[in-house]
Amino acid sequence: MPRFHNTDGVDVQFTAAEEAAWDARFSEYDPAYGAAIAIRKKRDAKLAACDWMANSDVTMSDEWRVYRQALRDVPTQAGFPNSVTWPSEPS
């Protein structure tokens, strides 16, 4: 998820270097922060890999809908980010 800072009343998206600096700074204070970032990146990659299923010309099965929702729900799992149960991709 993109992050922004406000410059002169305008929201400006972080550069890659700003993202890295921000993550490094907060990982020092909270080791789970870095783990959460890594898990979210893995989750985002899994969602991106099946984004084509959400195209308007594709009829998505209920199994894929449930899988994609389970991926979006990963950060709400009780053990997040230290213990994550990944949903199984439908066949």
Protein backbone atom coordinates (compact mmCIF):
# COMPACT_ATOMS: atom_id res chain seq x y z
CA MET A 1 0.00 0.00 0.00
CA PRO A 2 1.54 3.32 -0.98
CA ARG A 3 2.47 5.77 1.74
CA PHE A 4 2.44 9.52 1.47
CA HIS A 5 3.85 12.57 3.19
CA ASN A 6 2.38 16.03 3.07
CA THR A 7 4.42 18.80 1.48
CA ASP A 8 2.88 22.26 1.37
CA GLY A 9 -0.62 20.82 1.66
CA VAL A 10 -0.10 18.26 -1.10
CA ASP A 11 0.11 14.50 -0.51
CA VAL A 12 3.27 13.18 -2.17
CA GLN A 13 3.92 9.44 -2.49
CA PHE A 14 7.08 8.14 -0.81
CA THR A 15 9.98 7.29 -3.09
CA ALA A 16 11.51 3.82 -2.83
CA ALA A 17 14.35 5.29 -0.74
CA GLU A 18 11.87 7.00 1.62
CA GLU A 19 9.93 3.72 1.99
CA ALA A 20 13.13 1.85 2.87
CA ALA A 21 14.22 4.51 5.37
CA TRP A 22 10.79 4.55 7.03
CA ASP A 23 10.70 0.76 7.31
CA ALA A 24 14.24 0.63 8.72
CA ARG A 25 13.45 3.31 11.28
CA PHE A 26 10.35 1.57 12.61
CA SER A 27 11.89 -1.91 12.51
CA GLU A 28 14.41 -0.68 15.10
CA TYR A 29 11.60 0.08 17.56
CA ASP A 30 9.30 -2.82 16.77
CA PRO A 31 10.78 -6.00 15.23
CA ALA A 32 7.28 -7.18 14.33
CA TYR A 33 6.93 -4.13 12.05
CA GLY A 34 9.51 -5.53 9.62
CA ALA A 35 7.87 -8.95 9.73
CA ALA A 36 4.47 -7.41 9.02
CA ILE A 37 5.86 -5.54 6.00
CA ALA A 38 7.38 -8.77 4.63
CA ILE A 39 4.13 -10.73 5.12
CA ARG A 40 2.08 -8.00 3.45
CA LYS A 41 4.47 -7.95 0.47
CA LYS A 42 4.12 -11.74 0.11
CA ARG A 43 0.33 -11.44 0.42
CA ASP A 44 0.25 -8.63 -2.17
CA ALA A 45 2.29 -10.76 -4.60
CA LYS A 46 -0.13 -13.67 -4.18
CA LEU A 47 -3.07 -11.34 -4.86
CA ALA A 48 -1.35 -9.80 -7.88
CA ALA A 49 -0.69 -13.27 -9.30
CA CYS A 50 -4.42 -13.95 -9.47
CA ASP A 51 -5.70 -10.43 -10.26
CA TRP A 52 -6.61 -11.62 -13.74
CA MET A 53 -9.38 -13.64 -12.10
CA ALA A 54 -11.07 -10.36 -11.15
CA ASN A 55 -11.26 -9.03 -14.74
CA SER A 56 -14.72 -8.11 -15.91
CA ASP A 57 -14.63 -10.72 -18.69
CA VAL A 58 -13.81 -13.61 -16.31
CA THR A 59 -16.36 -15.34 -14.13
CA MET A 60 -14.61 -15.90 -10.82
CA SER A 61 -15.55 -19.07 -8.97
CA ASP A 62 -16.58 -19.00 -5.33
CA GLU A 63 -13.36 -20.83 -4.44
CA TRP A 64 -11.26 -18.02 -5.92
CA ARG A 65 -13.39 -15.35 -4.20
CA VAL A 66 -12.89 -17.09 -0.84
CA TYR A 67 -9.15 -17.49 -1.49
CA ARG A 68 -8.67 -13.84 -2.41
CA GLN A 69 -10.65 -12.69 0.63
CA ALA A 70 -8.60 -14.98 2.86
CA LEU A 71 -5.43 -13.36 1.48
CA ARG A 72 -6.82 -9.89 2.22
CA ASP A 73 -7.67 -11.10 5.76
CA VAL A 74 -4.14 -12.37 6.54
CA PRO A 75 -3.24 -9.26 8.62
CA THR A 76 -6.28 -9.86 10.84
CA GLN A 77 -5.13 -13.35 11.89
CA ALA A 78 -4.52 -13.70 15.62
CA GLY A 79 -0.81 -14.53 15.30
CA PHE A 80 0.03 -11.93 12.65
CA PRO A 81 2.82 -11.24 11.77
CA ASN A 82 4.69 -13.96 13.68
CA SER A 83 2.37 -16.83 12.83
CA VAL A 84 0.46 -16.80 9.56
CA THR A 85 -1.67 -19.54 8.04
CA TRP A 86 -1.69 -19.08 4.27
CA PRO A 87 -4.86 -20.09 2.42
CA SER A 88 -4.54 -22.81 -0.21
CA GLU A 89 -4.79 -21.62 -3.80
CA PRO A 90 -7.70 -23.24 -5.64
CA SER A 91 -6.86 -25.65 -8.42
